[in-house]
């Protein structure tokens, strides 16, 4: 099961973090952009090439200490098919380096349309009897607010291909409570009910370390709800945004973990990609600064959860 592999990488590296690769062209050093623009022009192709080189440099400096990366699809799709190609090549490069890859796409549909999303991001695509992995990520973020019709099409592919999903449960954004905090007739909040559904869906994808292949996105910016969901969804592995640039810290994120330091992976995107700014370095030092920040983040979280063990 996919999250078994992720958990093993986390324990091996003693690092429950994921680096978000959400690159804006403004984040990319002028030296990289100028080289790509000289080759491809100031075009979508040139921009996409710059993003890919930026991502590869960061991956090169962090792959031995960070278990996973999480590219956000929107930052690539905005550059058209050229950007989508850069996304596919980023995924492939990270996997070559042994990293676990979570595509942050928040896909949401039903029936055969959701089957197509599942095949694209987690499964295989048939072309006249030949099978190809279109993107080949290890996990995909999905929106479960269409109910089981939007999740069940993913489960068979996850089982067959040993992949995983992270379902939006209690997100980190300020307005999440407008819907997710509302109370249902049974007294549960909407996000609590979604967590219960994740537990139920996950029964089809059991893992050997106590966590299923159906994970949940639960933000560090709401530590109380994070602790609540850790208790109420004990078999659900959490992807936790909100650390760093969004205001969450290690003390907030610690509520995502169980007594062994397992159960969650904490995301940082801008904090890692733009670490050179906080460290007072030049933009050409971005990759080394990303490594320094990744190590700092690791130690920050370990300081509150202790050693991670099976």
Foldseek 3Di string as FASTA:
>chain_A
DLVVLVLVLCQVLVFQAEEELLDDLVLQDPVLLVVLCVVVNPALLSSLSSSLVLLLLQLVQALVRHQAYEYELVSQCVSPPSSVVSQLVSQVSNVVSVHAYEYEDQAWDFDPVLLVVLCQDDNWDDDPNDTDHNRHHQEYEHECVVDPRNPVSNLVSCVVRVHAYAYEQAAQDPCSCVQQQDADPVRDGNSLVVLVVLLVSQVSAADPVQAGRYAYEHELNCLVVLLVSCVSNVRHAYEYECDDPNDGFLVSPLSQADLQRGRYHYYDYCCLSVQCVVVVHDSVCSSVSSNVSSVVRSVRNCVPRPNHDD
